[in-house]
Amino acid sequence: MIAASIKHVNGTATVTPDTLIIGVGAISFLVDNRGSNDLLVSFDKGNEFKTIGAGLVLSFDVVVSQLTIKSSAGSVNYEILVGIL
């Protein structure tokens, strides 16, 4: 599937998990860890996390309406691009 529009989300993650409500129709994500600590991203409301190393980018195709994010330590700036149907 090809996204019809892109939603741009910038923020700062801390060690406390934060839920980002993306909305219905999200089909792809590009997550850019702009910090010096690891960024942890969960697709299942914080049960399991995928680690994105400092300065790395992860892209994936998945249909979810929210992401849970947190940092491994301190705070981490991030940028997320979301493909929307």
C-alpha atoms as a PDB file:
ATOM      1  CA  MET A   1       0.000   0.000   0.000  1.00  0.00           C
ATOM      2  CA  ILE A   2       1.085   3.560  -0.642  1.00  0.00           C
ATOM      3  CA  ALA A   3       0.470   6.278   1.936  1.00  0.00           C
ATOM      4  CA  ALA A   4      -1.864   9.082   0.893  1.00  0.00           C
ATOM      5  CA  SER A   5      -0.375  11.541   3.389  1.00  0.00           C
ATOM      6  CA  ILE A   6       2.435  11.874   5.924  1.00  0.00           C
ATOM      7  CA  LYS A   7       2.075  12.910   9.564  1.00  0.00           C
ATOM      8  CA  HIS A   8       5.202  14.421  11.146  1.00  0.00           C
ATOM      9  CA  VAL A   9       5.731  14.002  14.907  1.00  0.00           C
ATOM     10  CA  ASN A  10       8.653  15.517  16.856  1.00  0.00           C
ATOM     11  CA  GLY A  11       9.185  15.012  20.565  1.00  0.00           C
ATOM     12  CA  THR A  12      11.383  14.110  23.492  1.00  0.00           C
ATOM     13  CA  ALA A  13      11.202  10.734  25.186  1.00  0.00           C
ATOM     14  CA  THR A  14      12.111  10.145  28.840  1.00  0.00           C
ATOM     15  CA  VAL A  15      12.504   6.929  30.839  1.00  0.00           C
ATOM     16  CA  THR A  16       8.775   7.070  31.617  1.00  0.00           C
ATOM     17  CA  PRO A  17       6.802   5.408  28.774  1.00  0.00           C
ATOM     18  CA  ASP A  18       4.641   7.796  26.736  1.00  0.00           C
ATOM     19  CA  THR A  19       1.851   6.746  24.365  1.00  0.00           C
ATOM     20  CA  LEU A  20       1.610   8.533  21.028  1.00  0.00           C
ATOM     21  CA  ILE A  21      -1.859   8.308  19.504  1.00  0.00           C
ATOM     22  CA  ILE A  22      -1.305   8.173  15.766  1.00  0.00           C
ATOM     23  CA  GLY A  23      -4.878   7.489  14.687  1.00  0.00           C
ATOM     24  CA  VAL A  24      -6.621   5.134  12.310  1.00  0.00           C
ATOM     25  CA  GLY A  25      -5.038   4.482   8.936  1.00  0.00           C
ATOM     26  CA  ALA A  26      -1.356   4.511   9.906  1.00  0.00           C
ATOM     27  CA  ILE A  27       0.437   1.956   7.724  1.00  0.00           C
ATOM     28  CA  SER A  28       4.139   2.850   7.859  1.00  0.00           C
ATOM     29  CA  PHE A  29       6.586   4.533  10.193  1.00  0.00           C
ATOM     30  CA  LEU A  30      10.061   6.020  10.020  1.00  0.00           C
ATOM     31  CA  VAL A  31      11.513   6.643  13.505  1.00  0.00           C
ATOM     32  CA  ASP A  32      14.663   8.776  13.751  1.00  0.00           C
ATOM     33  CA  ASN A  33      16.517   8.652  17.097  1.00  0.00           C
ATOM     34  CA  ARG A  34      18.117  12.091  17.234  1.00  0.00           C
ATOM     35  CA  GLY A  35      19.598  11.619  20.709  1.00  0.00           C
ATOM     36  CA  SER A  36      22.679  10.106  22.301  1.00  0.00           C
ATOM     37  CA  ASN A  37      20.792   7.384  24.233  1.00  0.00           C
ATOM     38  CA  ASP A  38      18.736   4.472  22.942  1.00  0.00           C
ATOM     39  CA  LEU A  39      15.089   5.058  22.024  1.00  0.00           C
ATOM     40  CA  LEU A  40      12.676   2.212  22.785  1.00  0.00           C
ATOM     41  CA  VAL A  41       9.507   1.818  20.703  1.00  0.00           C
ATOM     42  CA  SER A  42       6.573  -0.495  21.427  1.00  0.00           C
ATOM     43  CA  PHE A  43       3.771  -1.501  19.074  1.00  0.00           C
ATOM     44  CA  ASP A  44       1.829  -3.424  21.754  1.00  0.00           C
ATOM     45  CA  LYS A  45       1.162  -0.771  24.422  1.00  0.00           C
ATOM     46  CA  GLY A  46       4.483  -1.243  26.219  1.00  0.00           C
ATOM     47  CA  ASN A  47       4.599  -5.013  26.632  1.00  0.00           C
ATOM     48  CA  GLU A  48       7.641  -5.415  24.343  1.00  0.00           C
ATOM     49  CA  PHE A  49      10.051  -2.735  23.094  1.00  0.00           C
ATOM     50  CA  LYS A  50      12.299  -2.504  20.032  1.00  0.00           C
ATOM     51  CA  THR A  51      15.539  -0.625  20.691  1.00  0.00           C
ATOM     52  CA  ILE A  52      16.681   2.021  18.220  1.00  0.00           C
ATOM     53  CA  GLY A  53      20.300   2.895  18.890  1.00  0.00           C
ATOM     54  CA  ALA A  54      21.520   6.461  19.296  1.00  0.00           C
ATOM     55  CA  GLY A  55      21.575   8.294  15.994  1.00  0.00           C
ATOM     56  CA  LEU A  56      19.902   5.464  14.063  1.00  0.00           C
ATOM     57  CA  VAL A  57      16.717   5.333  11.989  1.00  0.00           C
ATOM     58  CA  LEU A  58      14.191   2.482  11.796  1.00  0.00           C
ATOM     59  CA  SER A  59      11.452   2.175   9.201  1.00  0.00           C
ATOM     60  CA  PHE A  60       8.692  -0.404   9.177  1.00  0.00           C
ATOM     61  CA  ASP A  61       5.290  -1.202   7.716  1.00  0.00           C
ATOM     62  CA  VAL A  62       2.699  -2.039  10.356  1.00  0.00           C
ATOM     63  CA  VAL A  63      -0.929  -1.114  10.979  1.00  0.00           C
ATOM     64  CA  VAL A  64      -1.221   0.336  14.482  1.00  0.00           C
ATOM     65  CA  SER A  65      -3.033   3.362  15.891  1.00  0.00           C
ATOM     66  CA  GLN A  66      -0.529   4.145  18.647  1.00  0.00           C
ATOM     67  CA  LEU A  67       3.112   3.754  19.670  1.00  0.00           C
ATOM     68  CA  THR A  68       4.618   3.700  23.149  1.00  0.00           C
ATOM     69  CA  ILE A  69       8.077   5.246  23.408  1.00  0.00           C
ATOM     70  CA  LYS A  70      10.675   5.784  26.112  1.00  0.00           C
ATOM     71  CA  SER A  71      14.400   6.395  26.431  1.00  0.00           C
ATOM     72  CA  SER A  72      16.986   4.034  27.872  1.00  0.00           C
ATOM     73  CA  ALA A  73      18.369   6.874  30.017  1.00  0.00           C
ATOM     74  CA  GLY A  74      17.852  10.613  30.323  1.00  0.00           C
ATOM     75  CA  SER A  75      15.933  12.195  27.474  1.00  0.00           C
ATOM     76  CA  VAL A  76      16.032  11.454  23.743  1.00  0.00           C
ATOM     77  CA  ASN A  77      14.805  13.695  20.942  1.00  0.00           C
ATOM     78  CA  TYR A  78      13.005  11.850  18.176  1.00  0.00           C
ATOM     79  CA  GLU A  79      11.334  12.500  14.857  1.00  0.00           C
ATOM     80  CA  ILE A  80       8.670  10.189  13.435  1.00  0.00           C
ATOM     81  CA  LEU A  81       7.122  10.179   9.972  1.00  0.00           C
ATOM     82  CA  VAL A  82       3.842   8.256   9.726  1.00  0.00           C
ATOM     83  CA  GLY A  83       2.337   7.128   6.427  1.00  0.00           C
ATOM     84  CA  ILE A  84      -1.457   7.482   6.530  1.00  0.00           C
ATOM     85  CA  LEU A  85      -3.923   5.856   4.119  1.00  0.00           C
END
